[in-house]
Amino acid sequence: MLKLNSFTDFLFKSILEASDVGELPIWFSERFRNILKDIFDRTGNEVAQRLSYEEGTHGKKIFVDIDDNSIDKVSFLMSNKVEDIIGRTDNLRHLDSPEEKKIYSARQRGTMKINRFVNDLFNNEYKTESLSDEQKEANKKAGRKTSAQHLEEFVNSYKAARQPGKFEMVDGWDIGYWYDERNYGSQDSTLGDSCMKGEECENFFEFYAKNPDKVSMLIMKSRYTEEKIIGRALVWNLTEPEGRIFMDRIYVNYEHDYENFKNYARNKGWLFKKDQNPFPNEKTVDTKTNNIQEMTLTVEGMKPSEKYPYLDTLKYYNPDRAVLTNKASIVKAFSTPSYLLEDISGGPLPLMKHTYEDLLKLYVEDIIDDLEYYAINMYPESYWNHIDDKRYMSNFMDGELDHYLDDFNHFVENDEHTVVRYIVENRPKSDWDENIYSMNTAELIDLIDKLDIKEDVANALIDYRYENYTAKDVQEDLYGNTELDKDIFDQLGNYFDGRGFAEAVSKGEDEDWLRMKYEEEDDD
């Protein structure tokens, strides 16, 4: 009989002897799904097609995503970990945003080479097979490909799709050329949704053409032809912060290319927009200091033009002072008219009584003044995202200790593996021997009493029981209800980040609605 020398051996043996890991529906991340679609659309590769068909079937490796650290790997979650992370195993096709974030950022995710993943999924159908010279020649003449060749072609296409396309900086009227949708690799994702991609916008880019020393554009060429682009971002030479370069909002055909653009900016020491949105007050990442904060971004000396493009970040412009900035207060301080560059028809809009940024600030303060109303009645789905789960769970688990000590034998019996693991990993070998792996509950409790570690073991059981739990998980586990009401709001009030909640939910509101709400109130 094999002698177990460590808890790792014991754990491995336990896994082998345990019932098989359960299976749940296989789902892919959006970016992994897009890569499969792209490969099949271009090549008709059968592996890409079969993988696409696997979604919704059952397996052990689920929630498959690309691996950001390697171009030839995927990441995945074992099906038996799902309930620990989001507290359920039903209706997994429809995750809310917090659940999706937990699933795809979970530390329990594993990685493996894409070719191994395919063979694991399809029971080694695509493993390399030994063929005679005659078989190889016959296949070649008949135009047949072996399963291994189909897989090899898929892996090569997958790695090519993960590599960044060729980056190139352009300026002047070339910026307008690459804005034109006829020069896009596809109409997918944010690049395809751009409001400045139409032929009718070609005259709006004079503003860029007149200021080649102030603004340029970083483009990513298609991986398959240099005649098309699959991503772009404006790049500004800033006056404030002095001497710095800022990469504006990124537009891409493939979501995984956001990271390729950010890596380019990191290598150059640029600033870039933390989240890819049209908000001028979005936080900025400083790749030289790794600070992430809201910053004033200004370009001076911007020559005016007759028409103007829609701008995402530096959208406040005073032509008399030639100042373009992301802060409305800067241009509002000038005595001459200033403009908001947000008109998709090419016209500069006069700054109104309130900028969008002003309206958001007004709304944030209103929400903070009556958090209970806005959380319960208007934005309950966002409430849980702004609970300090780490602090809540620390206090909650401290409170659980008495409960575990009062019913200690029950909790030990329910999780003997964790008890054994704690003793083996935290006590010297002289305190236990190999028999610990076969002890029953009563024997384990006798050992715990002998070592006087009852409270330590109880804390270990609590830590394991509530690993990765959130306040919402506790609410659902103990009371079976997470529908936000006054009782829950009051109970969790000390852990609720009201300002963070207000700032987050306000950004989702439509500018026209906010303008109507506040400017009509002013008129009254």
Protein backbone atom coordinates (compact mmCIF):
# COMPACT_ATOMS: atom_id res chain seq x y z
CA MET A 1 0.00 0.00 0.00
CA LEU A 2 1.33 3.45 -0.93
CA LYS A 3 2.46 5.44 2.10
CA LEU A 4 1.28 9.05 2.12
CA ASN A 5 4.09 11.45 3.00
CA SER A 6 2.33 14.77 2.89
CA PHE A 7 -1.05 16.39 2.87
CA THR A 8 -0.62 16.91 -0.90
CA ASP A 9 -0.44 13.15 -1.34
CA PHE A 10 -3.48 12.73 0.86
CA LEU A 11 -5.40 15.33 -1.09
CA PHE A 12 -4.45 13.74 -4.41
CA LYS A 13 -5.56 10.33 -3.15
CA SER A 14 -8.84 11.83 -1.93
CA ILE A 15 -9.49 13.34 -5.33
CA LEU A 16 -8.85 10.04 -7.06
CA GLU A 17 -11.16 8.19 -4.71
CA ALA A 18 -13.90 10.86 -4.78
CA SER A 19 -16.78 10.79 -7.20
CA ASP A 20 -16.07 12.44 -10.51
CA VAL A 21 -16.18 16.21 -10.77
CA GLY A 22 -19.68 17.24 -11.79
CA GLU A 23 -20.41 18.68 -15.20
CA LEU A 24 -22.08 21.99 -16.00
CA PRO A 25 -22.81 23.81 -19.27
CA ILE A 26 -19.75 25.08 -21.08
CA TRP A 27 -19.76 28.82 -21.82
CA PHE A 28 -17.18 31.02 -23.50
CA SER A 29 -16.15 34.60 -22.86
CA GLU A 30 -17.14 37.08 -25.54
CA ARG A 31 -13.56 37.55 -26.66
CA PHE A 32 -12.86 33.81 -26.95
CA ARG A 33 -16.12 33.35 -28.86
CA ASN A 34 -15.15 36.16 -31.26
CA ILE A 35 -11.79 34.52 -32.00
CA LEU A 36 -13.50 31.24 -32.87
CA LYS A 37 -15.94 33.03 -35.17
CA ASP A 38 -13.14 34.93 -36.87
CA ILE A 39 -11.09 31.77 -37.48
CA PHE A 40 -14.05 29.85 -38.89
CA ASP A 41 -15.24 32.76 -41.07
CA ARG A 42 -11.80 33.09 -42.62
CA THR A 43 -10.68 29.46 -42.86
CA GLY A 44 -13.68 27.20 -42.33
CA ASN A 45 -11.56 25.25 -39.84
CA GLU A 46 -13.54 22.35 -38.38
CA VAL A 47 -12.01 22.67 -34.91
CA ALA A 48 -13.17 26.29 -34.61
CA GLN A 49 -16.64 25.26 -35.75
CA ARG A 50 -16.87 22.30 -33.38
CA LEU A 51 -15.71 24.41 -30.44
CA SER A 52 -18.43 26.95 -31.23
CA TYR A 53 -21.01 24.17 -31.21
CA GLU A 54 -19.82 23.03 -27.76
CA GLU A 55 -21.36 26.03 -26.00
CA GLY A 56 -24.27 24.85 -23.90
CA THR A 57 -23.11 21.24 -23.77
CA HIS A 58 -21.84 19.86 -20.47
CA GLY A 59 -18.28 19.48 -19.30
CA LYS A 60 -15.88 19.88 -16.39
CA LYS A 61 -13.93 22.87 -17.73
CA ILE A 62 -16.34 25.77 -18.17
CA PHE A 63 -16.35 29.57 -18.55
CA VAL A 64 -13.50 29.33 -21.04
CA ASP A 65 -11.52 32.50 -21.82
CA ILE A 66 -8.27 33.45 -23.48
CA ASP A 67 -5.23 33.55 -21.21
CA ASP A 68 -3.86 37.09 -21.09
CA ASN A 69 -0.37 35.86 -20.24
CA SER A 70 0.13 33.48 -23.17
CA ILE A 71 -1.00 33.52 -26.79
CA ASP A 72 -1.38 29.74 -27.04
CA LYS A 73 -3.38 29.06 -23.87
CA VAL A 74 -6.92 29.27 -22.59
CA SER A 75 -8.09 29.78 -19.03
CA PHE A 76 -11.04 27.93 -17.52
CA LEU A 77 -12.91 27.21 -14.32
CA MET A 78 -13.55 23.69 -13.06
CA SER A 79 -17.28 23.16 -12.74
CA ASN A 80 -17.10 22.20 -9.06
CA LYS A 81 -15.76 25.69 -8.20
CA VAL A 82 -18.69 27.66 -9.58
CA GLU A 83 -20.97 27.43 -6.57
CA ASP A 84 -18.13 28.49 -4.26
CA ILE A 85 -17.65 31.66 -6.31
CA ILE A 86 -21.15 32.85 -7.19
CA GLY A 87 -23.28 30.72 -4.90
CA ARG A 88 -25.30 28.91 -7.57
CA THR A 89 -25.04 26.50 -10.50
CA ASP A 90 -28.29 27.25 -12.32
CA ASN A 91 -28.92 29.47 -15.37
CA LEU A 92 -25.19 30.07 -15.87
CA ARG A 93 -25.70 31.45 -19.36
CA HIS A 94 -27.03 34.64 -17.79
CA LEU A 95 -24.60 36.15 -15.29
CA ASP A 96 -25.02 39.64 -13.97
CA SER A 97 -21.97 41.93 -14.17
CA PRO A 98 -20.65 41.26 -10.65
CA GLU A 99 -20.98 37.50 -11.15
CA GLU A 100 -19.23 37.65 -14.51
CA LYS A 101 -16.39 39.66 -12.98
CA LYS A 102 -16.00 37.10 -10.20
CA ILE A 103 -16.05 34.16 -12.63
CA TYR A 104 -13.47 35.52 -15.07
CA SER A 105 -11.13 36.95 -12.42
CA ALA A 106 -11.35 34.05 -9.95
CA ARG A 107 -7.98 32.87 -8.65
CA GLN A 108 -9.25 29.29 -8.95
CA ARG A 109 -9.06 29.51 -12.75
CA GLY A 110 -6.67 27.12 -14.44
CA THR A 111 -4.83 27.41 -17.75
CA MET A 112 -3.73 24.96 -20.40
CA LYS A 113 -2.44 24.94 -23.96
CA ILE A 114 -5.19 25.36 -26.54
CA ASN A 115 -4.26 22.09 -28.30
CA ARG A 116 -4.49 20.15 -25.02
CA PHE A 117 -7.81 21.82 -24.25
CA VAL A 118 -9.23 20.72 -27.62
CA ASN A 119 -8.08 17.13 -27.17
CA ASP A 120 -9.35 17.09 -23.59
CA LEU A 121 -12.75 18.32 -24.77
CA PHE A 122 -13.02 15.93 -27.71
CA ASN A 123 -11.54 12.79 -26.10
CA ASN A 124 -8.21 12.96 -27.95
CA GLU A 125 -9.79 12.93 -31.42
CA TYR A 126 -7.13 15.39 -32.61
CA LYS A 127 -4.03 13.74 -31.20
CA THR A 128 -1.11 13.22 -33.57
CA GLU A 129 -1.36 9.86 -35.29
CA SER A 130 1.39 7.84 -36.89
CA LEU A 131 0.88 7.38 -40.62
CA SER A 132 2.88 5.37 -43.10
CA ASP A 133 4.47 7.11 -46.06
CA GLU A 134 1.83 5.52 -48.27
CA GLN A 135 -1.01 6.90 -46.15
CA LYS A 136 0.53 10.36 -46.15
CA GLU A 137 0.89 10.31 -49.93
CA ALA A 138 -2.66 9.04 -50.41
CA ASN A 139 -4.04 11.79 -48.16
CA LYS A 140 -2.06 14.41 -50.03
CA LYS A 141 -3.34 13.26 -53.42
CA ALA A 142 -6.93 13.11 -52.18
CA GLY A 143 -6.69 16.51 -50.48
CA ARG A 144 -7.52 14.95 -47.13
CA LYS A 145 -6.31 16.33 -43.82
CA THR A 146 -5.81 14.32 -40.67
CA SER A 147 -7.44 15.40 -37.43
CA ALA A 148 -4.02 16.43 -36.18
CA GLN A 149 -3.57 18.70 -39.21
CA HIS A 150 -6.94 20.36 -38.58
CA LEU A 151 -5.86 21.01 -35.00
CA GLU A 152 -2.45 22.32 -36.04
CA GLU A 153 -4.07 24.80 -38.44
CA PHE A 154 -6.50 25.89 -35.73
CA VAL A 155 -3.72 26.40 -33.16
CA ASN A 156 -1.70 28.47 -35.66
CA SER A 157 -4.76 30.62 -36.41
CA TYR A 158 -5.50 31.01 -32.69
CA LYS A 159 -1.96 32.17 -31.94
CA ALA A 160 -2.04 34.56 -34.92
CA ALA A 161 -5.32 36.04 -33.68
CA ARG A 162 -3.79 36.62 -30.25
CA GLN A 163 -0.77 38.45 -31.60
CA PRO A 164 -1.25 42.22 -31.88
CA GLY A 165 -1.54 43.55 -35.40
CA LYS A 166 1.05 45.96 -36.69
CA PHE A 167 0.91 49.34 -34.93
CA GLU A 168 1.41 52.56 -36.87
CA MET A 169 1.13 56.27 -36.02
CA VAL A 170 -0.65 58.53 -38.54
CA ASP A 171 -1.53 62.22 -38.53
CA GLY A 172 -3.09 64.98 -40.67
CA TRP A 173 -5.73 63.92 -43.17
CA ASP A 174 -4.57 60.31 -42.78
CA ILE A 175 -6.53 60.29 -39.52
CA GLY A 176 -9.72 60.88 -41.49
CA TYR A 177 -8.78 58.12 -43.93
CA TRP A 178 -8.54 55.53 -41.16
CA TYR A 179 -11.76 56.76 -39.54
CA ASP A 180 -13.61 55.66 -42.69
CA GLU A 181 -15.47 52.40 -42.08
CA ARG A 182 -14.51 51.17 -45.55
CA ASN A 183 -11.02 50.73 -44.12
CA TYR A 184 -12.11 48.67 -41.10
CA GLY A 185 -11.41 44.98 -40.76
CA SER A 186 -15.05 44.44 -39.76
CA GLN A 187 -18.05 46.23 -38.28
CA ASP A 188 -17.70 44.36 -34.99
CA SER A 189 -17.39 45.80 -31.49
CA THR A 190 -16.64 49.45 -30.69
CA LEU A 191 -14.78 50.19 -33.90
CA GLY A 192 -17.79 49.14 -35.97
CA ASP A 193 -20.11 51.15 -33.70
CA SER A 194 -18.18 54.41 -33.97
CA CYS A 195 -20.31 57.49 -34.74
CA MET A 196 -17.52 59.04 -36.86
CA LYS A 197 -17.06 56.18 -39.34
CA GLY A 198 -19.40 57.31 -42.13
CA GLU A 199 -18.47 58.89 -45.45
CA GLU A 200 -20.43 62.02 -44.44
CA CYS A 201 -17.89 62.67 -41.65
CA GLU A 202 -14.87 63.09 -43.93
CA ASN A 203 -14.90 66.92 -43.64
CA PHE A 204 -15.05 66.86 -39.85
CA PHE A 205 -11.40 65.86 -39.56
CA GLU A 206 -9.98 69.21 -40.69
CA PHE A 207 -9.51 69.93 -36.99
CA TYR A 208 -6.97 67.09 -36.83
CA ALA A 209 -5.40 67.94 -40.19
CA LYS A 210 -4.71 71.53 -39.05
CA ASN A 211 -3.00 70.37 -35.87
CA PRO A 212 -0.60 67.54 -36.76
CA ASP A 213 1.83 68.59 -34.03
CA LYS A 214 -0.90 68.32 -31.41
CA VAL A 215 -2.83 65.19 -32.34
CA SER A 216 -2.10 61.94 -34.15
CA MET A 217 -3.69 58.50 -34.19
CA LEU A 218 -2.38 55.06 -33.27
CA ILE A 219 -3.81 52.43 -35.59
CA MET A 220 -3.55 48.66 -35.51
CA LYS A 221 -3.45 47.04 -38.92
CA SER A 222 -5.38 43.85 -39.59
CA ARG A 223 -3.44 40.68 -38.94
CA TYR A 224 -4.25 39.53 -42.46
CA THR A 225 -3.96 42.66 -44.61
CA GLU A 226 -2.39 46.08 -44.15
CA GLU A 227 -5.25 47.60 -46.15
CA LYS A 228 -7.57 47.42 -43.13
CA ILE A 229 -7.39 48.38 -39.48
CA ILE A 230 -8.84 46.56 -36.48
CA GLY A 231 -8.24 49.26 -33.88
CA ARG A 232 -7.50 52.95 -33.41
CA ALA A 233 -7.01 55.57 -30.69
CA LEU A 234 -6.30 59.30 -30.84
CA VAL A 235 -2.99 60.37 -29.28
CA TRP A 236 -2.57 63.88 -27.86
CA ASN A 237 0.60 65.87 -27.11
CA LEU A 238 -0.41 67.57 -23.87
CA THR A 239 0.41 70.97 -22.46
CA GLU A 240 -0.91 69.81 -19.09
CA PRO A 241 0.56 67.63 -17.73
CA GLU A 242 3.49 69.24 -19.49
CA GLY A 243 5.35 67.07 -21.95
CA ARG A 244 3.11 64.04 -21.53
CA ILE A 245 1.31 62.05 -24.23
CA PHE A 246 -2.24 60.83 -23.71
CA MET A 247 -3.86 57.90 -25.56
CA ASP A 248 -7.58 58.61 -25.83
CA ARG A 249 -10.47 56.13 -26.03
CA ILE A 250 -9.59 52.87 -27.80
CA TYR A 251 -11.85 51.47 -30.54
CA VAL A 252 -11.35 47.84 -31.62
CA ASN A 253 -12.90 44.99 -33.59
CA TYR A 254 -11.74 42.40 -31.04
CA GLU A 255 -12.02 42.92 -27.31
CA HIS A 256 -8.68 41.30 -26.48
CA ASP A 257 -6.95 44.05 -28.47
CA TYR A 258 -7.77 46.62 -25.78
CA GLU A 259 -4.93 45.11 -23.78
CA ASN A 260 -2.59 45.24 -26.78
CA PHE A 261 -3.19 48.99 -27.12
CA LYS A 262 -2.65 49.50 -23.39
CA ASN A 263 0.59 47.52 -23.53
CA TYR A 264 1.77 49.73 -26.39
CA ALA A 265 1.05 52.80 -24.24
CA ARG A 266 2.86 51.24 -21.28
CA ASN A 267 5.94 50.58 -23.39
CA LYS A 268 5.92 54.24 -24.50
CA GLY A 269 5.34 55.69 -21.04
CA TRP A 270 2.08 57.35 -22.09
CA LEU A 271 -1.04 58.22 -20.16
CA PHE A 272 -4.18 56.35 -21.18
CA LYS A 273 -7.87 56.29 -20.34
CA LYS A 274 -8.66 53.75 -17.61
CA ASP A 275 -12.10 52.76 -18.96
CA GLN A 276 -12.99 53.03 -22.63
CA ASN A 277 -15.97 55.39 -22.51
CA PRO A 278 -16.96 58.91 -23.70
CA PHE A 279 -16.72 60.57 -20.29
CA PRO A 280 -14.26 63.48 -19.99
CA ASN A 281 -13.76 62.91 -16.26
CA GLU A 282 -12.76 59.25 -16.58
CA LYS A 283 -9.69 58.31 -14.55
CA THR A 284 -6.31 58.27 -16.28
CA VAL A 285 -3.58 55.64 -15.96
CA ASP A 286 -0.05 57.03 -15.66
CA THR A 287 2.22 54.29 -16.96
CA LYS A 288 5.31 55.96 -15.50
CA THR A 289 4.05 56.03 -11.90
CA ASN A 290 1.23 53.41 -12.05
CA ASN A 291 -1.09 56.00 -10.49
CA ILE A 292 -4.74 55.90 -11.55
CA GLN A 293 -6.61 59.13 -10.91
CA GLU A 294 -8.77 61.84 -12.43
CA MET A 295 -6.49 64.33 -14.18
CA THR A 296 -6.70 67.67 -15.95
CA LEU A 297 -5.68 67.12 -19.59
CA THR A 298 -5.08 70.18 -21.77
CA VAL A 299 -3.73 70.91 -25.24
CA GLU A 300 -2.90 74.52 -26.08
CA GLY A 301 -2.44 75.99 -29.55
CA MET A 302 -5.25 74.04 -31.24
CA LYS A 303 -6.12 75.85 -34.48
CA PRO A 304 -9.86 76.09 -35.21
CA SER A 305 -11.69 74.67 -38.22
CA GLU A 306 -15.14 75.02 -39.79
CA LYS A 307 -16.28 71.55 -38.75
CA TYR A 308 -15.40 69.44 -35.70
CA PRO A 309 -15.41 65.71 -34.94
CA TYR A 310 -17.08 64.19 -31.91
CA LEU A 311 -14.48 63.93 -29.15
CA ASP A 312 -14.58 61.48 -26.26
CA THR A 313 -12.35 63.07 -23.64
CA LEU A 314 -10.87 66.47 -24.58
CA LYS A 315 -14.24 67.83 -25.64
CA TYR A 316 -14.23 71.42 -24.29
CA TYR A 317 -12.74 73.97 -26.69
CA ASN A 318 -12.18 77.71 -26.68
CA PRO A 319 -11.10 78.80 -30.19
CA ASP A 320 -10.09 82.31 -29.10
CA ARG A 321 -7.58 80.93 -26.57
CA ALA A 322 -6.90 77.83 -28.72
CA VAL A 323 -7.39 75.60 -25.64
CA LEU A 324 -8.81 72.06 -25.77
CA THR A 325 -9.37 70.26 -22.46
CA ASN A 326 -11.35 67.65 -20.55
CA LYS A 327 -12.37 70.20 -17.87
CA ALA A 328 -15.31 72.47 -18.70
CA SER A 329 -14.38 74.83 -15.85
CA ILE A 330 -11.15 75.81 -17.65
CA VAL A 331 -12.81 77.11 -20.82
CA LYS A 332 -15.82 78.49 -18.95
CA ALA A 333 -13.46 80.88 -17.17
CA PHE A 334 -12.63 82.61 -20.47
CA SER A 335 -14.69 85.64 -21.48
CA THR A 336 -15.05 84.49 -25.09
CA PRO A 337 -17.45 81.73 -26.22
CA SER A 338 -16.43 78.12 -25.66
CA TYR A 339 -17.77 74.97 -27.27
CA LEU A 340 -18.63 71.37 -26.54
CA LEU A 341 -17.31 69.07 -29.27
CA GLU A 342 -20.01 66.41 -29.06
CA ASP A 343 -22.05 67.03 -32.20
CA ILE A 344 -22.01 64.04 -34.54
CA SER A 345 -23.03 66.41 -37.36
CA GLY A 346 -19.75 68.31 -37.20
CA GLY A 347 -20.92 71.49 -35.51
CA PRO A 348 -19.44 72.90 -32.28
CA LEU A 349 -22.17 73.10 -29.64
CA PRO A 350 -22.25 76.17 -27.39
CA LEU A 351 -21.61 75.25 -23.78
CA MET A 352 -24.95 75.24 -21.97
CA LYS A 353 -25.68 76.20 -18.39
CA HIS A 354 -24.39 72.81 -17.31
CA THR A 355 -21.89 70.53 -18.98
CA TYR A 356 -22.57 66.83 -18.81
CA GLU A 357 -19.87 66.71 -16.15
CA ASP A 358 -21.75 69.36 -14.12
CA LEU A 359 -25.01 67.44 -14.47
CA LEU A 360 -23.37 64.25 -13.21
CA LYS A 361 -22.01 66.06 -10.16
CA LEU A 362 -25.45 67.50 -9.36
CA TYR A 363 -27.02 64.07 -9.65
CA VAL A 364 -24.31 62.47 -7.51
CA GLU A 365 -25.02 64.90 -4.68
CA ASP A 366 -28.77 64.30 -4.97
CA ILE A 367 -28.22 60.55 -4.69
CA ILE A 368 -25.95 60.95 -1.67
CA ASP A 369 -28.60 63.10 0.05
CA ASP A 370 -31.10 60.21 -0.13
CA LEU A 371 -29.10 57.01 -0.55
CA GLU A 372 -31.83 54.75 0.81
CA TYR A 373 -34.37 55.88 -1.80
CA TYR A 374 -32.01 55.67 -4.77
CA ALA A 375 -30.52 52.32 -3.73
CA ILE A 376 -33.83 50.56 -3.01
CA ASN A 377 -36.10 52.14 -5.62
CA MET A 378 -33.87 53.05 -8.55
CA TYR A 379 -30.59 51.13 -8.57
CA PRO A 380 -30.92 48.00 -6.39
CA GLU A 381 -28.92 45.94 -8.89
CA SER A 382 -25.89 48.20 -8.33
CA TYR A 383 -26.15 48.33 -4.54
CA TRP A 384 -24.23 45.10 -3.88
CA ASN A 385 -21.27 46.25 -6.01
CA HIS A 386 -20.53 48.97 -3.47
CA ILE A 387 -20.45 46.95 -0.26
CA ASP A 388 -17.04 46.65 1.42
CA ASP A 389 -17.16 42.84 1.28
CA LYS A 390 -13.69 42.38 2.74
CA ARG A 391 -14.51 44.33 5.93
CA TYR A 392 -18.01 42.87 6.16
CA MET A 393 -16.79 39.27 5.85
CA SER A 394 -14.02 39.85 8.40
CA ASN A 395 -16.55 41.04 10.97
CA PHE A 396 -19.09 38.38 10.02
CA MET A 397 -16.60 35.53 10.39
CA ASP A 398 -15.43 36.90 13.74
CA GLY A 399 -19.06 36.68 14.84
CA GLU A 400 -19.34 33.09 13.60
CA LEU A 401 -16.66 31.83 15.99
CA ASP A 402 -18.98 31.39 18.99
CA HIS A 403 -21.46 29.52 16.80
CA TYR A 404 -18.77 27.11 15.60
CA LEU A 405 -17.39 26.57 19.09
CA ASP A 406 -20.86 25.84 20.49
CA ASP A 407 -21.52 23.15 17.87
CA PHE A 408 -17.91 22.17 17.25
CA ASN A 409 -18.38 18.40 16.85
CA HIS A 410 -20.98 18.93 14.13
CA PHE A 411 -18.72 21.21 12.08
CA VAL A 412 -15.74 18.87 12.41
CA GLU A 413 -17.84 15.93 11.23
CA ASN A 414 -19.06 17.91 8.22
CA ASP A 415 -15.54 18.81 7.06
CA GLU A 416 -12.96 16.36 8.35
CA HIS A 417 -10.68 17.03 5.35
CA THR A 418 -10.23 20.66 6.31
CA VAL A 419 -9.53 19.72 9.93
CA VAL A 420 -6.85 17.23 8.85
CA ARG A 421 -5.38 19.74 6.42
CA TYR A 422 -5.14 22.41 9.11
CA ILE A 423 -3.38 20.10 11.59
CA VAL A 424 -0.93 18.67 9.02
CA GLU A 425 -0.01 22.08 7.62
CA ASN A 426 0.15 24.02 10.90
CA ARG A 427 1.38 21.60 13.57
CA PRO A 428 4.78 19.87 13.81
CA LYS A 429 4.95 16.26 12.66
CA SER A 430 5.48 15.19 16.25
CA ASP A 431 1.88 16.23 17.03
CA TRP A 432 0.39 13.73 14.58
CA ASP A 433 1.24 10.63 12.55
CA GLU A 434 0.03 8.93 9.38
CA ASN A 435 -3.03 7.60 11.20
CA ILE A 436 -4.52 11.06 11.10
CA TYR A 437 -5.72 10.36 7.54
CA SER A 438 -7.97 7.55 8.73
CA MET A 439 -9.22 9.08 12.00
CA ASN A 440 -12.95 9.33 12.61
CA THR A 441 -14.63 12.43 14.01
CA ALA A 442 -14.32 11.42 17.67
CA GLU A 443 -10.61 10.66 17.28
CA LEU A 444 -9.99 13.97 15.55
CA ILE A 445 -11.77 15.86 18.34
CA ASP A 446 -9.69 14.01 20.97
CA LEU A 447 -6.53 15.05 19.12
CA ILE A 448 -7.73 18.66 18.89
CA ASP A 449 -8.42 18.71 22.63
CA LYS A 450 -5.01 17.19 23.36
CA LEU A 451 -3.29 19.87 21.25
CA ASP A 452 -5.55 22.60 22.68
CA ILE A 453 -6.30 24.05 19.22
CA LYS A 454 -10.10 24.04 19.21
CA GLU A 455 -10.42 27.76 18.46
CA ASP A 456 -7.74 27.62 15.75
CA VAL A 457 -9.51 24.74 14.03
CA ALA A 458 -12.85 26.53 14.28
CA ASN A 459 -11.35 29.58 12.58
CA ALA A 460 -9.87 27.39 9.84
CA LEU A 461 -13.30 25.80 9.22
CA ILE A 462 -14.89 29.25 9.07
CA ASP A 463 -12.26 30.53 6.64
CA TYR A 464 -12.80 27.54 4.35
CA ARG A 465 -16.60 27.70 4.59
CA TYR A 466 -16.78 31.34 3.63
CA GLU A 467 -13.88 31.57 1.18
CA ASN A 468 -14.77 33.99 -1.65
CA TYR A 469 -18.09 34.88 0.02
CA THR A 470 -19.53 38.37 -0.21
CA ALA A 471 -22.15 40.16 1.89
CA LYS A 472 -24.69 39.26 -0.78
CA ASP A 473 -23.70 35.58 -0.58
CA VAL A 474 -24.18 35.59 3.19
CA GLN A 475 -27.58 37.28 2.84
CA GLU A 476 -28.68 34.66 0.33
CA ASP A 477 -27.17 31.74 2.25
CA LEU A 478 -28.67 32.63 5.63
CA TYR A 479 -31.95 34.23 4.63
CA GLY A 480 -32.53 33.04 1.08
CA ASN A 481 -33.25 36.58 -0.11
CA THR A 482 -31.11 39.32 -1.66
CA GLU A 483 -33.95 41.59 -2.74
CA LEU A 484 -32.89 44.94 -1.36
CA ASP A 485 -35.20 46.42 1.27
CA LYS A 486 -34.91 48.83 4.18
CA ASP A 487 -33.86 46.13 6.64
CA ILE A 488 -30.93 45.01 4.47
CA PHE A 489 -30.00 48.62 3.70
CA ASP A 490 -29.92 49.48 7.41
CA GLN A 491 -28.11 46.29 8.35
CA LEU A 492 -25.29 46.85 5.83
CA GLY A 493 -25.16 50.62 6.11
CA ASN A 494 -21.73 50.69 7.75
CA TYR A 495 -20.25 48.74 4.83
CA PHE A 496 -21.90 50.68 1.99
CA ASP A 497 -19.80 53.09 -0.11
CA GLY A 498 -22.48 55.66 -0.83
CA ARG A 499 -20.35 58.04 -2.87
CA GLY A 500 -18.89 55.27 -5.01
CA PHE A 501 -22.41 53.98 -5.61
CA ALA A 502 -23.68 57.47 -6.54
CA GLU A 503 -20.82 58.14 -8.96
CA ALA A 504 -21.19 54.73 -10.64
CA VAL A 505 -24.95 54.78 -11.19
CA SER A 506 -25.03 58.43 -12.28
CA LYS A 507 -22.74 57.62 -15.22
CA GLY A 508 -25.38 55.32 -16.63
CA GLU A 509 -27.97 58.07 -16.94
CA ASP A 510 -28.76 59.73 -20.25
CA GLU A 511 -27.51 63.31 -20.65
CA ASP A 512 -30.82 64.51 -22.10
CA TRP A 513 -32.69 63.18 -19.07
CA LEU A 514 -30.27 64.89 -16.69
CA ARG A 515 -30.44 68.15 -18.63
CA MET A 516 -34.22 68.07 -18.53
CA LYS A 517 -34.18 67.29 -14.81
CA TYR A 518 -31.86 70.11 -13.75
CA GLU A 519 -32.20 72.79 -16.39
CA GLU A 520 -35.98 72.71 -16.31
CA GLU A 521 -35.78 72.91 -12.52
CA ASP A 522 -33.58 76.01 -12.88
CA ASP A 523 -36.07 77.60 -15.29
CA ASP A 524 -38.86 77.05 -12.77
